């Protein structure tokens, strides 16, 4: 078949109509995975562009005041039998912590949740199913958070949840905004290490060294409660850091510090 000029004209018109009515593809969904360049000089790590992103949203990863305050947080996805030991150490030293729990943990460990709150700790939201929020809608994220909050507020005297640690540390500008609209503060971290592999624990000295060599003023420390190393090292870590002049505070105290003027005494 021989194409003439008019055939190309008709083809061009047809393709133009198809392109006009072709539905636009949505933006490609993307997410960041929280991370940073470690610092071993008692200084905050370099978080790159993530710092700017959090500065434009309701998210924190450290206390920028320069004061020698530390904020201990734990991620609790399931129980390995070490949380009671951790709570005993925190009680001994009168140190507050925040425990970010999943739905599985909240359903299975209501007695531990109650003890956390009764002893002055905060329970944070780590989602029900531990999904990647960057692939979800706002309503789906809300459902994940609401399910955990319902369990926590039913079994403890804590009647609201404010702090959110996104599952897998994934986020983007949209999930940060949605969390803020849902009444949550994203809490990342400035000090962490590979401590969650229960079959690859390296002894309490490994955990102790990882923490004490990366420590810096204002650190938000992420630990996993399934780690035997962490449970064994915690007493020694707290004792050592107190000797170095550090003070342990809660995330609520950090929020107050960020809201009030720097010269306010509280």
C-alpha atoms as a PDB file:
ATOM      1  CA  UNK A   1       0.000   0.000   0.000  1.00  0.00           C
ATOM      2  CA  UNK A   2       1.424   3.412  -1.014  1.00  0.00           C
ATOM      3  CA  UNK A   3       1.056   6.252   1.485  1.00  0.00           C
ATOM      4  CA  UNK A   4       0.214   9.579  -0.026  1.00  0.00           C
ATOM      5  CA  UNK A   5       0.553  13.010   1.527  1.00  0.00           C
ATOM      6  CA  UNK A   6      -3.074  13.042   2.691  1.00  0.00           C
ATOM      7  CA  UNK A   7      -2.506   9.815   4.629  1.00  0.00           C
ATOM      8  CA  UNK A   8       0.218  11.470   6.666  1.00  0.00           C
ATOM      9  CA  UNK A   9      -2.034  14.441   7.336  1.00  0.00           C
ATOM     10  CA  UNK A  10      -4.822  12.177   8.583  1.00  0.00           C
ATOM     11  CA  UNK A  11      -2.348  10.159  10.661  1.00  0.00           C
ATOM     12  CA  UNK A  12      -0.954  13.309  12.254  1.00  0.00           C
ATOM     13  CA  UNK A  13      -4.444  14.555  13.121  1.00  0.00           C
ATOM     14  CA  UNK A  14      -5.341  11.151  14.607  1.00  0.00           C
ATOM     15  CA  UNK A  15      -2.210  10.981  16.722  1.00  0.00           C
ATOM     16  CA  UNK A  16      -2.818  14.543  17.901  1.00  0.00           C
ATOM     17  CA  UNK A  17      -6.317  13.633  19.057  1.00  0.00           C
ATOM     18  CA  UNK A  18      -5.018  10.515  20.835  1.00  0.00           C
ATOM     19  CA  UNK A  19      -2.345  12.513  22.634  1.00  0.00           C
ATOM     20  CA  UNK A  20      -4.828  15.193  23.667  1.00  0.00           C
ATOM     21  CA  UNK A  21      -7.209  12.674  25.207  1.00  0.00           C
ATOM     22  CA  UNK A  22      -4.557  10.358  26.618  1.00  0.00           C
ATOM     23  CA  UNK A  23      -4.887  10.599  30.424  1.00  0.00           C
ATOM     24  CA  UNK A  24      -1.867  12.076  32.110  1.00  0.00           C
ATOM     25  CA  UNK A  25       0.178   9.595  34.101  1.00  0.00           C
ATOM     26  CA  UNK A  26       0.450  10.410  37.813  1.00  0.00           C
ATOM     27  CA  UNK A  27       3.776  11.485  39.214  1.00  0.00           C
ATOM     28  CA  UNK A  28       6.060   8.596  39.983  1.00  0.00           C
ATOM     29  CA  UNK A  29       5.833   7.747  43.677  1.00  0.00           C
ATOM     30  CA  UNK A  30       9.168   8.085  45.388  1.00  0.00           C
ATOM     31  CA  UNK A  31      10.459   7.925  48.892  1.00  0.00           C
ATOM     32  CA  UNK A  32      13.573   8.744  50.841  1.00  0.00           C
ATOM     33  CA  UNK A  33      15.205   6.287  53.197  1.00  0.00           C
ATOM     34  CA  UNK A  34      16.474   8.059  56.295  1.00  0.00           C
ATOM     35  CA  UNK A  35      20.234   7.945  56.619  1.00  0.00           C
ATOM     36  CA  UNK A  36      23.282  10.058  57.334  1.00  0.00           C
ATOM     37  CA  UNK A  37      27.051  10.168  57.355  1.00  0.00           C
ATOM     38  CA  UNK A  38      28.282   9.035  60.757  1.00  0.00           C
ATOM     39  CA  UNK A  39      30.436  11.316  62.867  1.00  0.00           C
ATOM     40  CA  UNK A  40      32.821  10.069  65.532  1.00  0.00           C
ATOM     41  CA  UNK A  41      33.942  13.462  66.905  1.00  0.00           C
ATOM     42  CA  UNK A  42      31.045  14.056  69.298  1.00  0.00           C
ATOM     43  CA  UNK A  43      29.323  16.076  66.600  1.00  0.00           C
ATOM     44  CA  UNK A  44      25.994  15.610  64.881  1.00  0.00           C
ATOM     45  CA  UNK A  45      26.062  13.494  61.712  1.00  0.00           C
ATOM     46  CA  UNK A  46      25.656  14.990  58.254  1.00  0.00           C
ATOM     47  CA  UNK A  47      22.101  14.285  57.058  1.00  0.00           C
ATOM     48  CA  UNK A  48      22.447  16.141  53.752  1.00  0.00           C
ATOM     49  CA  UNK A  49      19.242  17.307  52.079  1.00  0.00           C
ATOM     50  CA  UNK A  50      17.140  15.475  54.639  1.00  0.00           C
ATOM     51  CA  UNK A  51      17.810  18.249  57.146  1.00  0.00           C
ATOM     52  CA  UNK A  52      16.299  20.862  54.823  1.00  0.00           C
ATOM     53  CA  UNK A  53      13.296  18.652  54.154  1.00  0.00           C
ATOM     54  CA  UNK A  54      12.611  18.223  57.865  1.00  0.00           C
ATOM     55  CA  UNK A  55      13.125  21.928  58.519  1.00  0.00           C
ATOM     56  CA  UNK A  56      10.216  22.582  56.173  1.00  0.00           C
ATOM     57  CA  UNK A  57       7.955  20.093  57.905  1.00  0.00           C
ATOM     58  CA  UNK A  58       7.010  18.729  61.263  1.00  0.00           C
ATOM     59  CA  UNK A  59       9.926  16.341  61.744  1.00  0.00           C
ATOM     60  CA  UNK A  60      12.926  15.975  64.026  1.00  0.00           C
ATOM     61  CA  UNK A  61      16.060  13.856  64.172  1.00  0.00           C
ATOM     62  CA  UNK A  62      18.034  15.553  66.962  1.00  0.00           C
ATOM     63  CA  UNK A  63      18.035  18.430  69.425  1.00  0.00           C
ATOM     64  CA  UNK A  64      19.924  21.293  67.735  1.00  0.00           C
ATOM     65  CA  UNK A  65      20.367  23.369  70.917  1.00  0.00           C
ATOM     66  CA  UNK A  66      23.918  22.168  71.528  1.00  0.00           C
ATOM     67  CA  UNK A  67      23.073  21.142  75.093  1.00  0.00           C
ATOM     68  CA  UNK A  68      24.327  17.750  76.263  1.00  0.00           C
ATOM     69  CA  UNK A  69      20.892  16.152  76.263  1.00  0.00           C
ATOM     70  CA  UNK A  70      20.138  12.674  74.906  1.00  0.00           C
ATOM     71  CA  UNK A  71      16.804  11.190  73.901  1.00  0.00           C
ATOM     72  CA  UNK A  72      16.555   7.395  73.999  1.00  0.00           C
ATOM     73  CA  UNK A  73      14.068   5.711  71.681  1.00  0.00           C
ATOM     74  CA  UNK A  74      13.323   2.052  71.016  1.00  0.00           C
ATOM     75  CA  UNK A  75      11.582   0.418  68.070  1.00  0.00           C
ATOM     76  CA  UNK A  76       9.420  -2.472  69.258  1.00  0.00           C
ATOM     77  CA  UNK A  77       8.159  -4.690  66.457  1.00  0.00           C
ATOM     78  CA  UNK A  78       7.991  -7.893  68.467  1.00  0.00           C
ATOM     79  CA  UNK A  79       9.205  -9.141  71.833  1.00  0.00           C
ATOM     80  CA  UNK A  80      12.344 -11.186  72.439  1.00  0.00           C
ATOM     81  CA  UNK A  81      12.209 -11.067  76.230  1.00  0.00           C
ATOM     82  CA  UNK A  82      14.545  -8.097  76.779  1.00  0.00           C
ATOM     83  CA  UNK A  83      12.125  -5.219  77.286  1.00  0.00           C
ATOM     84  CA  UNK A  84      11.608  -5.914  80.985  1.00  0.00           C
ATOM     85  CA  UNK A  85      15.376  -5.792  81.489  1.00  0.00           C
ATOM     86  CA  UNK A  86      15.513  -2.513  79.574  1.00  0.00           C
ATOM     87  CA  UNK A  87      12.714  -1.067  81.701  1.00  0.00           C
ATOM     88  CA  UNK A  88      14.497  -2.180  84.874  1.00  0.00           C
ATOM     89  CA  UNK A  89      17.645  -0.286  83.810  1.00  0.00           C
ATOM     90  CA  UNK A  90      15.713   2.834  82.847  1.00  0.00           C
ATOM     91  CA  UNK A  91      13.927   2.773  86.191  1.00  0.00           C
ATOM     92  CA  UNK A  92      17.188   2.305  88.080  1.00  0.00           C
ATOM     93  CA  UNK A  93      18.693   5.396  86.459  1.00  0.00           C
ATOM     94  CA  UNK A  94      15.452   7.417  86.294  1.00  0.00           C
ATOM     95  CA  UNK A  95      15.872   7.786  82.527  1.00  0.00           C
ATOM     96  CA  UNK A  96      12.869   8.386  80.225  1.00  0.00           C
ATOM     97  CA  UNK A  97      12.483   6.725  76.844  1.00  0.00           C
ATOM     98  CA  UNK A  98      10.054   6.531  73.951  1.00  0.00           C
ATOM     99  CA  UNK A  99       8.976   3.125  72.654  1.00  0.00           C
ATOM    100  CA  UNK A 100       7.697   3.065  69.069  1.00  0.00           C
ATOM    101  CA  UNK A 101       5.411   0.061  68.774  1.00  0.00           C
ATOM    102  CA  UNK A 102       3.785  -1.777  65.884  1.00  0.00           C
ATOM    103  CA  UNK A 103       0.319  -3.275  65.925  1.00  0.00           C
ATOM    104  CA  UNK A 104       1.711  -6.767  66.497  1.00  0.00           C
ATOM    105  CA  UNK A 105       3.576  -5.601  69.590  1.00  0.00           C
ATOM    106  CA  UNK A 106       0.651  -3.576  70.908  1.00  0.00           C
ATOM    107  CA  UNK A 107      -1.717  -6.536  70.567  1.00  0.00           C
ATOM    108  CA  UNK A 108       0.603  -9.075  72.155  1.00  0.00           C
ATOM    109  CA  UNK A 109       2.322  -7.056  74.905  1.00  0.00           C
ATOM    110  CA  UNK A 110      -0.344  -4.998  76.659  1.00  0.00           C
ATOM    111  CA  UNK A 111       1.248  -5.595  80.079  1.00  0.00           C
ATOM    112  CA  UNK A 112       4.563  -4.175  78.889  1.00  0.00           C
ATOM    113  CA  UNK A 113       2.787  -1.207  77.324  1.00  0.00           C
ATOM    114  CA  UNK A 114       1.085  -0.473  80.616  1.00  0.00           C
ATOM    115  CA  UNK A 115       4.366  -0.706  82.489  1.00  0.00           C
ATOM    116  CA  UNK A 116       6.042   1.674  80.038  1.00  0.00           C
ATOM    117  CA  UNK A 117       3.447   4.350  80.613  1.00  0.00           C
ATOM    118  CA  UNK A 118       3.148   3.740  84.358  1.00  0.00           C
ATOM    119  CA  UNK A 119       6.907   4.270  84.710  1.00  0.00           C
ATOM    120  CA  UNK A 120       6.856   7.570  82.856  1.00  0.00           C
ATOM    121  CA  UNK A 121       7.805   6.550  79.335  1.00  0.00           C
ATOM    122  CA  UNK A 122       6.121   7.554  76.089  1.00  0.00           C
ATOM    123  CA  UNK A 123       4.648   5.146  73.554  1.00  0.00           C
ATOM    124  CA  UNK A 124       5.097   6.254  69.948  1.00  0.00           C
ATOM    125  CA  UNK A 125       3.395   4.994  66.815  1.00  0.00           C
ATOM    126  CA  UNK A 126       5.331   2.741  64.436  1.00  0.00           C
ATOM    127  CA  UNK A 127       2.202   1.770  62.397  1.00  0.00           C
ATOM    128  CA  UNK A 128       0.117  -1.371  62.610  1.00  0.00           C
ATOM    129  CA  UNK A 129       1.513  -3.486  59.750  1.00  0.00           C
ATOM    130  CA  UNK A 130       4.892  -1.740  59.229  1.00  0.00           C
ATOM    131  CA  UNK A 131       4.238  -0.760  55.583  1.00  0.00           C
ATOM    132  CA  UNK A 132       6.005   1.770  53.378  1.00  0.00           C
ATOM    133  CA  UNK A 133       4.015   4.975  53.849  1.00  0.00           C
ATOM    134  CA  UNK A 134       5.318   6.474  50.602  1.00  0.00           C
ATOM    135  CA  UNK A 135       3.232   3.989  48.614  1.00  0.00           C
ATOM    136  CA  UNK A 136       0.009   4.705  50.498  1.00  0.00           C
ATOM    137  CA  UNK A 137      -2.795   7.266  50.562  1.00  0.00           C
ATOM    138  CA  UNK A 138      -3.445   9.580  53.482  1.00  0.00           C
ATOM    139  CA  UNK A 139      -6.523   7.584  54.516  1.00  0.00           C
ATOM    140  CA  UNK A 140      -4.538   4.331  54.488  1.00  0.00           C
ATOM    141  CA  UNK A 141      -1.824   5.864  56.646  1.00  0.00           C
ATOM    142  CA  UNK A 142      -4.434   7.207  59.041  1.00  0.00           C
ATOM    143  CA  UNK A 143      -5.937   3.739  59.408  1.00  0.00           C
ATOM    144  CA  UNK A 144      -2.505   2.282  60.203  1.00  0.00           C
ATOM    145  CA  UNK A 145      -1.941   4.871  62.923  1.00  0.00           C
ATOM    146  CA  UNK A 146      -5.455   4.792  64.337  1.00  0.00           C
ATOM    147  CA  UNK A 147      -5.342   1.025  64.867  1.00  0.00           C
ATOM    148  CA  UNK A 148      -2.229   1.297  67.025  1.00  0.00           C
ATOM    149  CA  UNK A 149      -3.532   4.305  68.929  1.00  0.00           C
ATOM    150  CA  UNK A 150      -6.776   2.524  69.747  1.00  0.00           C
ATOM    151  CA  UNK A 151      -4.897  -0.383  71.338  1.00  0.00           C
ATOM    152  CA  UNK A 152      -2.475   1.822  73.275  1.00  0.00           C
ATOM    153  CA  UNK A 153      -5.136   4.152  74.643  1.00  0.00           C
ATOM    154  CA  UNK A 154      -7.324   1.186  75.592  1.00  0.00           C
ATOM    155  CA  UNK A 155      -4.653  -0.658  77.586  1.00  0.00           C
ATOM    156  CA  UNK A 156      -2.701   2.237  79.104  1.00  0.00           C
ATOM    157  CA  UNK A 157      -3.310   5.610  80.693  1.00  0.00           C
ATOM    158  CA  UNK A 158      -1.716   7.355  77.689  1.00  0.00           C
ATOM    159  CA  UNK A 159      -4.682   8.869  75.882  1.00  0.00           C
ATOM    160  CA  UNK A 160      -3.067  10.256  72.776  1.00  0.00           C
ATOM    161  CA  UNK A 161      -0.166   9.506  70.496  1.00  0.00           C
ATOM    162  CA  UNK A 162       1.959  12.343  69.144  1.00  0.00           C
ATOM    163  CA  UNK A 163       5.224  10.824  67.934  1.00  0.00           C
ATOM    164  CA  UNK A 164       5.536   8.775  64.763  1.00  0.00           C
ATOM    165  CA  UNK A 165       8.500   6.791  63.538  1.00  0.00           C
ATOM    166  CA  UNK A 166       7.801   5.868  59.922  1.00  0.00           C
ATOM    167  CA  UNK A 167       8.182   2.171  59.137  1.00  0.00           C
ATOM    168  CA  UNK A 168      11.509   1.342  57.500  1.00  0.00           C
ATOM    169  CA  UNK A 169      12.525   4.986  57.893  1.00  0.00           C
ATOM    170  CA  UNK A 170      10.917   5.830  54.535  1.00  0.00           C
ATOM    171  CA  UNK A 171       9.274   9.183  53.908  1.00  0.00           C
ATOM    172  CA  UNK A 172       8.742  12.004  51.467  1.00  0.00           C
ATOM    173  CA  UNK A 173       7.384  15.538  51.610  1.00  0.00           C
ATOM    174  CA  UNK A 174       3.825  14.281  51.214  1.00  0.00           C
ATOM    175  CA  UNK A 175       3.931  11.752  54.059  1.00  0.00           C
ATOM    176  CA  UNK A 176       5.517  14.363  56.316  1.00  0.00           C
ATOM    177  CA  UNK A 177       2.700  16.773  55.539  1.00  0.00           C
ATOM    178  CA  UNK A 178      -0.006  14.163  56.016  1.00  0.00           C
ATOM    179  CA  UNK A 179       1.436  13.089  59.366  1.00  0.00           C
ATOM    180  CA  UNK A 180       1.411  16.686  60.541  1.00  0.00           C
ATOM    181  CA  UNK A 181      -2.206  17.071  59.438  1.00  0.00           C
ATOM    182  CA  UNK A 182      -3.018  13.910  61.413  1.00  0.00           C
ATOM    183  CA  UNK A 183      -1.460  15.431  64.539  1.00  0.00           C
ATOM    184  CA  UNK A 184       1.857  13.559  64.501  1.00  0.00           C
ATOM    185  CA  UNK A 185       5.501  14.556  64.712  1.00  0.00           C
ATOM    186  CA  UNK A 186       7.915  12.476  62.642  1.00  0.00           C
ATOM    187  CA  UNK A 187      10.824  11.306  64.801  1.00  0.00           C
ATOM    188  CA  UNK A 188      13.948  10.082  63.057  1.00  0.00           C
ATOM    189  CA  UNK A 189      17.351   9.652  64.699  1.00  0.00           C
ATOM    190  CA  UNK A 190      20.952  10.852  64.678  1.00  0.00           C
ATOM    191  CA  UNK A 191      22.535   7.752  66.207  1.00  0.00           C
ATOM    192  CA  UNK A 192      21.859   4.128  65.330  1.00  0.00           C
ATOM    193  CA  UNK A 193      23.645   0.965  64.325  1.00  0.00           C
ATOM    194  CA  UNK A 194      22.822  -2.498  63.054  1.00  0.00           C
ATOM    195  CA  UNK A 195      21.408  -4.047  66.211  1.00  0.00           C
ATOM    196  CA  UNK A 196      18.202  -5.771  65.093  1.00  0.00           C
ATOM    197  CA  UNK A 197      19.546  -9.072  63.780  1.00  0.00           C
ATOM    198  CA  UNK A 198      18.748 -11.401  66.656  1.00  0.00           C
ATOM    199  CA  UNK A 199      20.952 -14.187  65.256  1.00  0.00           C
ATOM    200  CA  UNK A 200      23.922 -11.888  64.779  1.00  0.00           C
ATOM    201  CA  UNK A 201      24.469 -10.295  68.175  1.00  0.00           C
ATOM    202  CA  UNK A 202      28.076  -9.335  68.923  1.00  0.00           C
ATOM    203  CA  UNK A 203      28.151  -8.814  72.675  1.00  0.00           C
ATOM    204  CA  UNK A 204      27.419  -5.859  74.929  1.00  0.00           C
ATOM    205  CA  UNK A 205      30.787  -4.225  74.209  1.00  0.00           C
ATOM    206  CA  UNK A 206      29.876  -3.824  70.538  1.00  0.00           C
ATOM    207  CA  UNK A 207      26.673  -1.953  71.402  1.00  0.00           C
ATOM    208  CA  UNK A 208      28.490   0.113  74.032  1.00  0.00           C
ATOM    209  CA  UNK A 209      31.217   1.132  71.563  1.00  0.00           C
ATOM    210  CA  UNK A 210      28.765   1.948  68.789  1.00  0.00           C
ATOM    211  CA  UNK A 211      26.825   4.285  71.040  1.00  0.00           C
ATOM    212  CA  UNK A 212      29.665   5.967  72.897  1.00  0.00           C
ATOM    213  CA  UNK A 213      31.780   6.623  69.785  1.00  0.00           C
ATOM    214  CA  UNK A 214      28.880   8.209  67.877  1.00  0.00           C
ATOM    215  CA  UNK A 215      27.342  10.138  70.763  1.00  0.00           C
ATOM    216  CA  UNK A 216      26.879  13.878  70.437  1.00  0.00           C
ATOM    217  CA  UNK A 217      24.912  16.625  72.215  1.00  0.00           C
ATOM    218  CA  UNK A 218      21.244  16.453  71.293  1.00  0.00           C
ATOM    219  CA  UNK A 219      21.339  12.888  69.966  1.00  0.00           C
ATOM    220  CA  UNK A 220      18.136  10.979  69.350  1.00  0.00           C
ATOM    221  CA  UNK A 221      19.292   7.412  69.864  1.00  0.00           C
ATOM    222  CA  UNK A 222      17.515   4.585  68.056  1.00  0.00           C
ATOM    223  CA  UNK A 223      17.772   1.118  69.586  1.00  0.00           C
ATOM    224  CA  UNK A 224      15.833  -2.067  68.908  1.00  0.00           C
ATOM    225  CA  UNK A 225      14.396  -3.876  71.886  1.00  0.00           C
ATOM    226  CA  UNK A 226      15.011  -7.309  70.333  1.00  0.00           C
ATOM    227  CA  UNK A 227      18.770  -6.893  70.815  1.00  0.00           C
ATOM    228  CA  UNK A 228      20.406  -8.792  73.651  1.00  0.00           C
ATOM    229  CA  UNK A 229      23.471  -6.591  73.175  1.00  0.00           C
ATOM    230  CA  UNK A 230      21.450  -3.452  73.863  1.00  0.00           C
ATOM    231  CA  UNK A 231      19.816  -4.915  76.945  1.00  0.00           C
ATOM    232  CA  UNK A 232      23.185  -5.904  78.384  1.00  0.00           C
ATOM    233  CA  UNK A 233      24.930  -2.648  77.458  1.00  0.00           C
ATOM    234  CA  UNK A 234      22.267  -0.146  78.497  1.00  0.00           C
ATOM    235  CA  UNK A 235      23.226   0.119  82.175  1.00  0.00           C
ATOM    236  CA  UNK A 236      26.869   0.689  81.269  1.00  0.00           C
ATOM    237  CA  UNK A 237      25.994   3.172  78.528  1.00  0.00           C
ATOM    238  CA  UNK A 238      23.841   5.320  80.793  1.00  0.00           C
ATOM    239  CA  UNK A 239      26.417   5.280  83.579  1.00  0.00           C
ATOM    240  CA  UNK A 240      29.234   6.240  81.202  1.00  0.00           C
ATOM    241  CA  UNK A 241      27.318   9.035  79.482  1.00  0.00           C
ATOM    242  CA  UNK A 242      26.192  10.542  82.763  1.00  0.00           C
ATOM    243  CA  UNK A 243      29.850  10.606  83.801  1.00  0.00           C
ATOM    244  CA  UNK A 244      30.548  12.513  80.564  1.00  0.00           C
ATOM    245  CA  UNK A 245      28.043  15.186  81.547  1.00  0.00           C
ATOM    246  CA  UNK A 246      25.093  14.062  79.469  1.00  0.00           C
ATOM    247  CA  UNK A 247      21.489  14.315  80.663  1.00  0.00           C
ATOM    248  CA  UNK A 248      18.679  12.051  79.480  1.00  0.00           C
ATOM    249  CA  UNK A 249      15.404  13.712  78.568  1.00  0.00           C
ATOM    250  CA  UNK A 250      12.087  12.807  76.969  1.00  0.00           C
ATOM    251  CA  UNK A 251      10.764  13.804  73.571  1.00  0.00           C
ATOM    252  CA  UNK A 252       8.126  15.903  75.328  1.00  0.00           C
ATOM    253  CA  UNK A 253      10.925  17.954  76.875  1.00  0.00           C
ATOM    254  CA  UNK A 254      12.499  18.359  73.440  1.00  0.00           C
ATOM    255  CA  UNK A 255       9.209  19.642  72.036  1.00  0.00           C
ATOM    256  CA  UNK A 256       8.912  22.177  74.857  1.00  0.00           C
ATOM    257  CA  UNK A 257      12.479  23.287  74.255  1.00  0.00           C
ATOM    258  CA  UNK A 258      11.795  23.863  70.560  1.00  0.00           C
ATOM    259  CA  UNK A 259       8.560  25.788  71.182  1.00  0.00           C
ATOM    260  CA  UNK A 260       9.750  28.083  73.956  1.00  0.00           C
ATOM    261  CA  UNK A 261      12.309  30.879  73.411  1.00  0.00           C
ATOM    262  CA  UNK A 262      15.920  29.973  74.143  1.00  0.00           C
ATOM    263  CA  UNK A 263      16.109  32.244  77.191  1.00  0.00           C
ATOM    264  CA  UNK A 264      13.010  30.753  78.800  1.00  0.00           C
ATOM    265  CA  UNK A 265      13.663  28.845  82.033  1.00  0.00           C
ATOM    266  CA  UNK A 266      11.492  25.757  82.534  1.00  0.00           C
END
